[in-house]
Amino acid sequence: MRLSESAAIAELQRLLAALPQLPGHIWLGYSGGADSEYLAYILGLFATQFPQWRARIHLLHVHHGLSPHADLWAQHCCDSAQKAALECRVLRIQLQLGSRVSVEAEARRARYQALATQMASGDVLLTAHHQDDQLETVLLALKRGQGPKGLAAMGSCQQFAEHCWQLRPLLHVSRAQILSRVSALALSYVHDESNDNIRYDRNFLRRDIVPKLKMRWPELPVTVSRSAALCAEQQQLLDEVTQEKLSPLVQTCPFTGVSMLAIAGLRQLPVRWQRQLLRAFIEQQNLPLPSMVQLDEALQQLLHSDDDAKVHLQFAELELRRAYDYIYAMTELPALPLSTPLTVEQQQALLQGHLDLPLTAPWHSLSGKLTDTGPRVALAALAAPLMLSYGLPGSLKCQPHYRSKARELKKIWQEARVPYWLRPRLPALAAADGAVLAIAGLFVDKQALAPAQQPGITLELS
C-alpha cells in the first residue's frame, strides 16, 4: 500500500464498511509516538471530511507512570488533540509488577484493559500497527514456538474485548513510509526512551535484527505479512472444523451454568485432536492457554487417571479439574465462605420471597422466591432464627425431598454428581440448631417441605 493521507482514509473507510454495523464511537490508542501521531492526524482529516464523526472520535492516552517524562507525553497528546479539534482522554493506570512479571507484558495487558473500559459494545479501537510491527510479531511468535494462530500475528480487523473491534488501517505500510509522511507534514511526536532498551525482545528485534534482515531481503516485511495472512486463513478454517467437533462434547454444569467438556467423547479422538479441542475449550472460557508440555501433562491426568480420582491441575491463572466424566476450566476459587446467621431484615425478606444475597464465585447471588409449585421450604419452617451454612460434613444425615429415607450427605453429593469443589460452597439454609432445611440448587429436606397447594420458598443460585 502506497501511503498518502487519502489512501489511509480510504483504508479506514474500507475497514469500517466491512464491520457488521457501523460503530457508535471510534477510539484511538494514542501514545504520542510517530505512528499514533500520524494516525491521529488522519483521524483529524477524517473528521473534517465526515463531520458527523467528529463527536464520536476519541483519543486515549494511557499514562503508565513508568517514565519521568510521562506527564509531558500526556500533555503533548492533549495539545495535539486540541489542534485537531478531537477529544483526548488521559487514562492513568497502576501496573501490577513483581519479580517474575514482564514489565513489557504487564504494560500491554494493563493498557488494553484500560482502553476496553472506555468502550461500549460495537465500538472500534484503532491502533497504529504497521508492516514492520507485523514482522516483529511473527518473529516473536517463532521465538515462542507458537503455531498458526501465533504466526497469523495481527489482522487489519479483529475482535477486541467482548463486543468491540480493533482496526489497524496502517498495517500494510512500512514504518519508513510513516516516518516520511510525519516528516513531510512536520508533525511533532514523543520519543519513549524505553524503546531504546534492547533488554525487551521487541526492541532487540527492531534495533539489531530486523534492519539486517531487511538489508538482505528488502521485501521481507511484505512476504512475512503475506505468510501471516495465509496462517490466519488456515487458522480460520481450523477453527471452523474445531467448533464442529467441540460443540457435541460441551455441556452445561447444572449447578453453576459453566461449560464442561465430556471426557468420553474426547478419549475417542486422536491425541492431536484431544490437544486441539482442549485448547479450544479453554479459550472459550477466556482463560490463558498452558504450554504444549503442560497441555500434554494435563491430558494424561485428565483422561487416564482413575475415574474416582480428584484431578486438579493449576497452570498460572488456569485451573483444570475433573469430576464425573467432565473437564472444567476455571480460575482459582476464592476462600470458602463463612457460615453466617441471617439478619432480621434478611429473614423477613426471605419470608416474603424477596431475598437476594450476593455470593462469592462460582455464583453471583442467592435468591429466595415465593412459589406454590415445585419443591419448596414451608413458610412455617422459616419462623426460627436461620443461617446460611457452608462446608457441611459429609457424615451429616439429610432426607432430600426426592428420597424415602435419610442418607449421609456425602452419598447425596455422589448421587447428584456434585463436583467435589462445589460441595462445601453450596449454601445450605439451616435452623439455629444446625438442622438443614434446604441446600440451594439441590434439595429441600422432607422435614421442611411445604405441603401440596401451600406456598413456600425456593432457593435459586445465579
Protein backbone atom coordinates (compact mmCIF):
# COMPACT_ATOMS: atom_id res chain seq x y z
CA MET A 1 0.00 0.00 0.00
CA ARG A 2 1.44 3.37 -1.06
CA LEU A 3 1.00 5.75 1.85
CA SER A 4 -0.83 9.03 1.50
CA GLU A 5 -3.42 10.71 3.65
CA SER A 6 -6.17 9.96 1.14
CA ALA A 7 -5.10 6.30 0.94
CA ALA A 8 -5.09 5.98 4.74
CA ILE A 9 -8.58 7.49 4.96
CA ALA A 10 -9.80 5.16 2.22
CA GLU A 11 -8.39 2.15 4.10
CA LEU A 12 -10.12 3.30 7.30
CA GLN A 13 -13.39 3.64 5.41
CA ARG A 14 -12.95 0.17 3.92
CA LEU A 15 -12.38 -1.40 7.33
CA LEU A 16 -15.36 0.40 8.87
CA ALA A 17 -17.61 -0.65 5.98
CA ALA A 18 -16.59 -4.30 6.45
CA LEU A 19 -17.89 -4.38 10.05
CA PRO A 20 -21.29 -5.97 10.80
CA GLN A 21 -22.53 -2.47 11.67
CA LEU A 22 -21.03 0.98 11.94
CA PRO A 23 -19.62 1.65 15.42
CA GLY A 24 -21.07 4.19 17.79
CA HIS A 25 -17.60 5.54 18.60
CA ILE A 26 -14.03 5.33 17.30
CA TRP A 27 -11.23 5.24 19.88
CA LEU A 28 -7.54 5.65 19.09
CA GLY A 29 -4.85 4.12 21.29
CA TYR A 30 -2.71 7.25 21.30
CA SER A 31 0.82 7.04 22.68
CA GLY A 32 2.01 10.23 21.00
CA GLY A 33 4.78 8.34 19.15
CA ALA A 34 5.32 8.87 15.43
CA ASP A 35 2.95 6.10 14.33
CA SER A 36 0.00 7.02 16.52
CA GLU A 37 0.66 10.73 15.89
CA TYR A 38 0.22 10.12 12.17
CA LEU A 39 -2.96 8.12 12.73
CA ALA A 40 -4.32 10.90 14.97
CA TYR A 41 -3.62 13.34 12.13
CA ILE A 42 -5.51 11.04 9.74
CA LEU A 43 -8.46 10.98 12.14
CA GLY A 44 -8.48 14.78 12.22
CA LEU A 45 -8.71 14.84 8.42
CA PHE A 46 -11.35 12.11 8.51
CA ALA A 47 -13.46 14.16 10.95
CA THR A 48 -13.14 17.22 8.69
CA GLN A 49 -14.18 15.22 5.64
CA PHE A 50 -17.00 13.47 7.52
CA PRO A 51 -18.08 15.94 10.26
CA GLN A 52 -20.79 13.60 11.55
CA TRP A 53 -17.97 11.50 13.06
CA ARG A 54 -16.11 14.27 14.92
CA ALA A 55 -18.02 14.00 18.21
CA ARG A 56 -17.66 10.21 18.12
CA ILE A 57 -13.86 10.12 17.75
CA HIS A 58 -11.79 9.95 20.95
CA LEU A 59 -8.03 9.76 21.50
CA LEU A 60 -7.00 7.68 24.52
CA HIS A 61 -3.55 8.15 26.04
CA VAL A 62 -2.55 5.62 28.69
CA HIS A 63 -0.28 7.07 31.39
CA HIS A 64 1.74 4.14 32.78
CA GLY A 65 3.80 6.28 35.16
CA LEU A 66 6.95 4.36 34.21
CA SER A 67 8.90 7.28 32.74
CA PRO A 68 9.83 10.63 34.30
CA HIS A 69 8.57 12.14 31.03
CA ALA A 70 5.11 10.55 31.25
CA ASP A 71 3.36 13.79 32.26
CA LEU A 72 4.95 15.65 29.33
CA TRP A 73 3.80 12.95 26.90
CA ALA A 74 0.25 13.17 28.22
CA GLN A 75 0.29 16.95 27.81
CA HIS A 76 1.67 16.63 24.27
CA CYS A 77 -1.19 14.30 23.35
CA CYS A 78 -3.80 16.66 24.78
CA ASP A 79 -2.28 19.62 22.93
CA SER A 80 -2.12 17.74 19.61
CA ALA A 81 -5.71 16.57 20.00
CA GLN A 82 -6.84 20.13 20.69
CA LYS A 83 -5.22 21.32 17.43
CA ALA A 84 -7.13 18.62 15.56
CA ALA A 85 -10.35 19.51 17.43
CA LEU A 86 -10.60 15.95 18.78
CA GLU A 87 -11.26 14.82 22.33
CA CYS A 88 -8.33 13.33 24.24
CA ARG A 89 -8.60 11.41 27.49
CA VAL A 90 -5.64 10.50 29.69
CA LEU A 91 -6.05 7.18 31.49
CA ARG A 92 -3.73 6.75 34.47
CA ILE A 93 -3.01 3.13 35.38
CA GLN A 94 -1.01 1.32 38.04
CA LEU A 95 0.95 -1.73 36.86
CA GLN A 96 0.98 -4.92 38.95
CA LEU A 97 4.69 -5.66 38.84
CA GLY A 98 6.63 -8.42 40.59
CA SER A 99 9.87 -10.33 40.45
CA ARG A 100 8.62 -12.70 37.73
CA VAL A 101 6.39 -10.25 35.87
CA SER A 102 7.45 -8.90 32.48
CA VAL A 103 7.13 -5.11 32.50
CA GLU A 104 6.51 -5.18 28.75
CA ALA A 105 3.72 -7.77 29.00
CA GLU A 106 2.11 -6.20 32.07
CA ALA A 107 2.13 -2.73 30.49
CA ARG A 108 0.46 -4.12 27.38
CA ARG A 109 -2.16 -6.02 29.39
CA ALA A 110 -2.98 -3.04 31.58
CA ARG A 111 -3.05 -0.68 28.59
CA TYR A 112 -5.58 -2.73 26.65
CA GLN A 113 -7.63 -3.31 29.77
CA ALA A 114 -7.80 0.45 30.37
CA LEU A 115 -8.79 1.10 26.75
CA ALA A 116 -11.55 -1.52 26.93
CA THR A 117 -13.14 0.17 29.97
CA GLN A 118 -13.92 3.25 27.86
CA MET A 119 -15.65 1.38 25.05
CA ALA A 120 -19.23 0.27 24.53
CA SER A 121 -20.47 -2.74 22.58
CA GLY A 122 -19.77 -2.37 18.86
CA ASP A 123 -17.18 0.40 19.29
CA VAL A 124 -13.89 0.38 17.40
CA LEU A 125 -10.34 0.69 18.70
CA LEU A 126 -7.76 1.99 16.22
CA THR A 127 -4.08 1.20 16.70
CA ALA A 128 -1.18 2.37 14.54
CA HIS A 129 0.48 -1.01 13.99
CA HIS A 130 2.35 -1.18 10.69
CA GLN A 131 4.13 -3.69 8.48
CA ASP A 132 7.35 -3.66 10.50
CA ASP A 133 5.36 -4.35 13.67
CA GLN A 134 3.86 -7.34 11.89
CA LEU A 135 7.32 -8.70 11.05
CA GLU A 136 8.43 -8.32 14.67
CA THR A 137 5.28 -10.06 15.91
CA VAL A 138 5.84 -13.05 13.62
CA LEU A 139 9.48 -13.33 14.73
CA LEU A 140 8.42 -13.24 18.37
CA ALA A 141 5.83 -15.95 17.67
CA LEU A 142 8.56 -18.12 16.14
CA LYS A 143 10.80 -17.50 19.13
CA ARG A 144 7.99 -18.68 21.44
CA GLY A 145 7.29 -21.78 19.34
CA GLN A 146 3.73 -20.78 18.51
CA GLY A 147 1.54 -22.43 15.89
CA PRO A 148 -0.63 -20.98 13.08
CA LYS A 149 -2.64 -18.76 15.41
CA GLY A 150 0.51 -17.07 16.74
CA LEU A 151 2.07 -16.85 13.28
CA ALA A 152 -1.10 -15.21 11.96
CA ALA A 153 0.08 -12.28 14.10
CA MET A 154 -2.13 -9.19 13.73
CA GLY A 155 -5.10 -8.73 11.44
CA SER A 156 -6.38 -5.49 9.94
CA CYS A 157 -9.70 -6.23 11.67
CA GLN A 158 -10.01 -8.35 14.79
CA GLN A 159 -12.41 -8.69 17.69
CA PHE A 160 -11.40 -6.70 20.76
CA ALA A 161 -12.59 -7.32 24.31
CA GLU A 162 -16.01 -9.00 24.17
CA HIS A 163 -18.13 -6.98 21.79
CA CYS A 164 -15.77 -4.47 20.15
CA TRP A 165 -13.41 -4.38 17.17
CA GLN A 166 -9.76 -3.46 16.69
CA LEU A 167 -8.80 -1.96 13.35
CA ARG A 168 -5.27 -1.40 12.07
CA PRO A 169 -5.52 0.84 8.97
CA LEU A 170 -1.71 1.21 8.68
CA LEU A 171 -0.86 -2.48 8.85
CA HIS A 172 0.11 -2.71 5.17
CA VAL A 173 2.51 0.24 5.15
CA SER A 174 6.07 0.37 6.44
CA ARG A 175 7.42 2.40 9.32
CA ALA A 176 9.71 4.20 6.86
CA GLN A 177 6.67 5.37 4.89
CA ILE A 178 5.00 6.63 8.07
CA LEU A 179 8.14 8.49 9.18
CA SER A 180 8.43 10.04 5.73
CA ARG A 181 4.88 11.40 5.92
CA VAL A 182 5.37 12.57 9.53
CA SER A 183 8.47 14.50 8.44
CA ALA A 184 6.76 15.96 5.38
CA LEU A 185 3.82 17.14 7.49
CA ALA A 186 6.14 18.47 10.25
CA LEU A 187 4.22 16.55 12.91
CA SER A 188 5.81 16.63 16.35
CA TYR A 189 5.81 13.41 18.36
CA VAL A 190 7.22 11.99 21.56
CA HIS A 191 10.06 9.50 21.92
CA ASP A 192 9.70 6.82 24.59
CA GLU A 193 13.22 6.11 25.85
CA SER A 194 12.18 2.58 26.85
CA ASN A 195 12.07 1.77 23.13
CA ASP A 196 15.88 2.08 23.14
CA ASN A 197 16.27 -0.65 25.77
CA ILE A 198 17.18 -3.87 23.94
CA ARG A 199 16.51 -5.86 27.13
CA TYR A 200 12.98 -6.02 25.76
CA ASP A 201 12.67 -8.62 23.00
CA ARG A 202 10.73 -6.43 20.58
CA ASN A 203 13.25 -3.58 20.89
CA PHE A 204 16.11 -6.04 20.33
CA LEU A 205 14.48 -7.23 17.11
CA ARG A 206 13.67 -3.69 15.99
CA ARG A 207 17.15 -2.28 16.57
CA ASP A 208 19.55 -5.18 15.99
CA ILE A 209 17.86 -7.90 13.93
CA VAL A 210 15.17 -6.52 11.62
CA PRO A 211 17.44 -3.91 9.95
CA LYS A 212 19.91 -6.65 9.00
CA LEU A 213 17.13 -8.87 7.69
CA LYS A 214 15.70 -6.03 5.61
CA MET A 215 19.15 -5.15 4.28
CA ARG A 216 19.50 -8.72 2.96
CA TRP A 217 15.84 -9.13 1.95
CA PRO A 218 14.17 -5.71 1.48
CA GLU A 219 10.80 -7.30 0.70
CA LEU A 220 10.80 -9.44 3.86
CA PRO A 221 8.10 -7.40 5.71
CA VAL A 222 5.80 -7.78 2.69
CA THR A 223 6.36 -11.53 2.30
CA VAL A 224 6.08 -12.17 6.05
CA SER A 225 2.79 -10.24 6.10
CA ARG A 226 1.61 -12.49 3.28
CA SER A 227 2.59 -15.58 5.29
CA ALA A 228 0.79 -14.21 8.33
CA ALA A 229 -2.36 -13.68 6.26
CA LEU A 230 -2.15 -17.28 4.96
CA CYS A 231 -1.72 -18.57 8.53
CA ALA A 232 -4.76 -16.53 9.60
CA GLU A 233 -6.82 -18.06 6.77
CA GLN A 234 -5.71 -21.59 7.67
CA GLN A 235 -6.44 -20.92 11.34
CA GLN A 236 -9.94 -19.73 10.47
CA LEU A 237 -10.60 -22.98 8.59
CA LEU A 238 -9.21 -24.98 11.54
CA ASP A 239 -11.41 -23.02 13.96
CA GLU A 240 -14.50 -23.90 11.94
CA VAL A 241 -13.72 -27.63 11.98
CA THR A 242 -12.72 -27.45 15.65
CA GLN A 243 -16.06 -25.89 16.57
CA GLU A 244 -17.91 -28.66 14.72
CA LYS A 245 -16.04 -31.31 16.71
CA LEU A 246 -16.16 -29.44 20.03
CA SER A 247 -19.83 -28.48 20.20
CA PRO A 248 -21.21 -32.01 20.80
CA LEU A 249 -18.73 -32.52 23.65
CA VAL A 250 -19.61 -29.39 25.62
CA GLN A 251 -22.44 -29.42 28.14
CA THR A 252 -23.57 -27.10 30.93
CA CYS A 253 -22.96 -27.73 34.62
CA PRO A 254 -26.40 -27.89 36.30
CA PHE A 255 -25.05 -26.27 39.48
CA THR A 256 -23.06 -23.32 38.12
CA GLY A 257 -24.08 -22.95 34.48
CA VAL A 258 -20.44 -23.08 33.31
CA SER A 259 -19.33 -25.20 30.37
CA MET A 260 -17.87 -28.66 30.90
CA LEU A 261 -16.10 -30.94 28.42
CA ALA A 262 -17.13 -34.60 28.10
CA ILE A 263 -14.20 -36.94 28.70
CA ALA A 264 -15.75 -39.98 26.97
CA GLY A 265 -16.01 -38.20 23.63
CA LEU A 266 -12.54 -36.71 23.95
CA ARG A 267 -10.99 -40.13 24.64
CA GLN A 268 -12.25 -41.47 21.31
CA LEU A 269 -10.26 -38.92 19.29
CA PRO A 270 -6.59 -38.98 18.17
CA VAL A 271 -4.18 -37.18 20.51
CA ARG A 272 -3.73 -34.30 18.06
CA TRP A 273 -7.48 -33.58 18.25
CA GLN A 274 -7.53 -34.02 22.01
CA ARG A 275 -4.94 -31.24 22.22
CA GLN A 276 -6.80 -29.03 19.78
CA LEU A 277 -10.21 -29.41 21.44
CA LEU A 278 -8.90 -28.90 24.97
CA ARG A 279 -7.14 -25.72 23.81
CA ALA A 280 -10.33 -24.51 22.13
CA PHE A 281 -12.39 -25.34 25.24
CA ILE A 282 -10.01 -23.34 27.47
CA GLU A 283 -10.11 -20.40 25.06
CA GLN A 284 -13.92 -20.47 25.10
CA GLN A 285 -13.73 -19.73 28.83
CA ASN A 286 -11.45 -16.73 28.09
CA LEU A 287 -8.62 -18.33 30.06
CA PRO A 288 -4.88 -18.40 29.26
CA LEU A 289 -3.55 -21.44 27.45
CA PRO A 290 -0.92 -23.68 29.07
CA SER A 291 2.27 -24.56 27.21
CA MET A 292 2.36 -27.61 24.95
CA VAL A 293 4.20 -29.62 27.62
CA GLN A 294 1.67 -28.58 30.26
CA LEU A 295 -1.22 -29.40 27.93
CA ASP A 296 0.09 -32.92 27.33
CA GLU A 297 0.57 -33.41 31.08
CA ALA A 298 -2.99 -32.20 31.68
CA LEU A 299 -4.45 -34.56 29.06
CA GLN A 300 -2.60 -37.50 30.55
CA GLN A 301 -4.03 -36.89 34.01
CA LEU A 302 -7.50 -35.75 32.94
CA LEU A 303 -8.12 -38.67 30.57
CA HIS A 304 -6.20 -41.53 32.13
CA SER A 305 -6.45 -41.19 35.93
CA ASP A 306 -8.82 -43.46 37.84
CA ASP A 307 -12.43 -42.45 37.37
CA ASP A 308 -12.84 -41.50 41.03
CA ALA A 309 -9.57 -39.51 41.19
CA LYS A 310 -9.88 -35.84 42.13
CA VAL A 311 -7.78 -34.30 39.36
CA HIS A 312 -6.87 -30.66 39.96
CA LEU A 313 -4.15 -29.02 37.85
CA GLN A 314 -3.01 -25.41 38.09
CA PHE A 315 -1.04 -23.50 35.42
CA ALA A 316 -0.65 -19.84 36.45
CA GLU A 317 -4.17 -18.35 36.21
CA LEU A 318 -5.69 -21.50 34.69
CA GLU A 319 -7.10 -24.39 36.70
CA LEU A 320 -8.24 -27.66 35.13
CA ARG A 321 -10.39 -30.02 37.18
CA ARG A 322 -12.18 -33.28 36.52
CA ALA A 323 -15.35 -34.63 38.07
CA TYR A 324 -17.93 -37.20 36.98
CA ASP A 325 -16.60 -37.67 33.43
CA TYR A 326 -16.25 -33.96 32.66
CA ILE A 327 -13.39 -31.46 32.46
CA TYR A 328 -13.77 -27.97 33.86
CA ALA A 329 -11.56 -24.95 33.04
CA MET A 330 -11.64 -22.15 35.62
CA THR A 331 -9.68 -19.64 37.64
CA GLU A 332 -8.78 -20.12 41.30
CA LEU A 333 -11.82 -20.07 43.58
CA PRO A 334 -11.92 -17.58 46.45
CA ALA A 335 -11.66 -18.68 50.07
CA LEU A 336 -14.53 -20.77 51.39
CA PRO A 337 -17.36 -18.51 52.65
CA LEU A 338 -18.08 -18.44 56.37
CA SER A 339 -21.40 -19.62 57.78
CA THR A 340 -23.43 -16.55 58.80
CA PRO A 341 -26.80 -16.02 60.50
CA LEU A 342 -29.49 -14.19 58.54
CA THR A 343 -30.35 -10.78 59.91
CA VAL A 344 -33.92 -9.98 60.92
CA GLU A 345 -34.31 -7.96 57.73
CA GLN A 346 -32.93 -10.79 55.57
CA GLN A 347 -35.20 -13.34 57.21
CA GLN A 348 -38.22 -11.11 56.68
CA ALA A 349 -37.24 -10.68 53.02
CA LEU A 350 -36.94 -14.47 52.71
CA LEU A 351 -40.45 -15.00 54.11
CA GLN A 352 -41.79 -12.51 51.58
CA GLY A 353 -39.90 -14.14 48.71
CA HIS A 354 -37.67 -11.13 48.05
CA LEU A 355 -34.30 -12.26 49.41
CA ASP A 356 -31.32 -11.52 47.19
CA LEU A 357 -27.88 -12.11 48.72
CA PRO A 358 -24.51 -11.69 46.96
CA LEU A 359 -22.30 -14.78 46.88
CA THR A 360 -18.66 -15.44 46.09
CA ALA A 361 -17.62 -17.31 42.93
CA PRO A 362 -18.64 -19.54 41.28
CA TRP A 363 -22.02 -17.89 41.83
CA HIS A 364 -23.15 -14.28 41.93
CA SER A 365 -26.22 -14.35 44.14
CA LEU A 366 -28.72 -16.42 46.10
CA SER A 367 -32.41 -15.63 45.66
CA GLY A 368 -35.31 -16.71 47.86
CA LYS A 369 -38.57 -16.71 45.90
CA LEU A 370 -42.16 -17.36 46.94
CA THR A 371 -43.94 -20.03 44.88
CA ASP A 372 -46.64 -22.69 45.16
CA THR A 373 -45.08 -25.14 42.71
CA GLY A 374 -42.11 -27.49 42.89
CA PRO A 375 -40.12 -28.50 45.99
CA ARG A 376 -40.07 -25.55 48.38
CA VAL A 377 -39.42 -24.76 52.05
CA ALA A 378 -42.60 -24.39 54.12
CA LEU A 379 -43.12 -20.88 55.47
CA ALA A 380 -43.66 -22.34 58.94
CA ALA A 381 -40.14 -23.77 58.87
CA LEU A 382 -38.72 -20.26 58.38
CA ALA A 383 -40.02 -18.82 61.66
CA ALA A 384 -37.00 -19.67 63.82
CA PRO A 385 -33.59 -17.94 63.55
CA LEU A 386 -31.86 -19.09 60.36
CA MET A 387 -28.37 -19.15 58.96
CA LEU A 388 -26.51 -19.84 55.72
CA SER A 389 -24.12 -22.72 56.32
CA TYR A 390 -21.12 -23.82 54.27
CA GLY A 391 -18.71 -26.73 54.44
CA LEU A 392 -21.22 -29.19 55.87
CA PRO A 393 -19.65 -32.50 56.96
CA GLY A 394 -20.22 -35.47 54.67
CA SER A 395 -21.38 -37.53 57.65
CA LEU A 396 -24.38 -35.25 58.23
CA LYS A 397 -27.66 -37.05 57.53
CA CYS A 398 -30.34 -35.34 55.46
CA GLN A 399 -33.51 -36.51 53.75
CA PRO A 400 -33.92 -34.83 50.35
CA HIS A 401 -37.48 -34.31 49.17
CA TYR A 402 -36.99 -36.98 46.50
CA ARG A 403 -35.82 -39.76 48.90
CA SER A 404 -37.88 -42.02 51.15
CA LYS A 405 -35.13 -42.27 53.79
CA ALA A 406 -32.39 -40.07 55.24
CA ARG A 407 -28.86 -40.55 53.99
CA GLU A 408 -25.36 -39.22 54.66
CA LEU A 409 -24.65 -36.01 52.81
CA LYS A 410 -21.57 -37.45 51.10
CA LYS A 411 -23.79 -40.09 49.48
CA ILE A 412 -26.28 -37.41 48.42
CA TRP A 413 -23.44 -35.44 46.82
CA GLN A 414 -22.40 -38.52 44.89
CA GLU A 415 -25.94 -39.35 43.76
CA ALA A 416 -26.43 -35.81 42.49
CA ARG A 417 -22.95 -35.81 40.88
CA VAL A 418 -21.96 -32.58 42.58
CA PRO A 419 -18.30 -31.73 41.71
CA TYR A 420 -16.14 -32.08 44.80
CA TRP A 421 -15.02 -28.44 44.84
CA LEU A 422 -18.62 -27.21 44.85
CA ARG A 423 -19.83 -29.33 47.78
CA PRO A 424 -18.55 -27.10 50.59
CA ARG A 425 -19.64 -23.99 48.63
CA LEU A 426 -23.31 -24.77 48.04
CA PRO A 427 -25.16 -22.57 50.57
CA ALA A 428 -27.39 -24.51 52.97
CA LEU A 429 -30.32 -22.87 54.74
CA ALA A 430 -30.19 -24.18 58.29
CA ALA A 431 -32.02 -23.65 61.57
CA ALA A 432 -30.17 -22.38 64.62
CA ASP A 433 -29.79 -25.95 65.91
CA GLY A 434 -27.97 -26.93 62.71
CA ALA A 435 -30.85 -28.81 61.09
CA VAL A 436 -30.62 -28.39 57.31
CA LEU A 437 -33.83 -27.08 55.73
CA ALA A 438 -32.54 -26.94 52.16
CA ILE A 439 -29.37 -26.82 50.08
CA ALA A 440 -29.66 -24.28 47.28
CA GLY A 441 -29.85 -25.82 43.84
CA LEU A 442 -30.04 -29.37 45.24
CA PHE A 443 -32.88 -30.30 47.60
CA VAL A 444 -35.37 -29.35 50.28
CA ASP A 445 -35.27 -31.54 53.37
CA LYS A 446 -38.51 -33.52 53.76
CA GLN A 447 -38.96 -32.23 57.31
CA ALA A 448 -39.17 -28.68 55.95
CA LEU A 449 -41.05 -29.41 52.70
CA ALA A 450 -44.16 -27.34 52.06
CA PRO A 451 -47.34 -29.43 51.67
CA ALA A 452 -49.08 -29.59 48.30
CA GLN A 453 -51.09 -26.47 47.35
CA GLN A 454 -49.33 -24.38 50.05
CA PRO A 455 -46.81 -21.64 49.18
CA GLY A 456 -43.18 -21.92 50.11
CA ILE A 457 -39.70 -20.58 49.35
CA THR A 458 -37.30 -21.86 46.69
CA LEU A 459 -33.60 -21.07 46.86
CA GLU A 460 -32.06 -20.25 43.45
CA LEU A 461 -28.42 -19.71 42.55
CA SER A 462 -27.30 -17.41 39.74
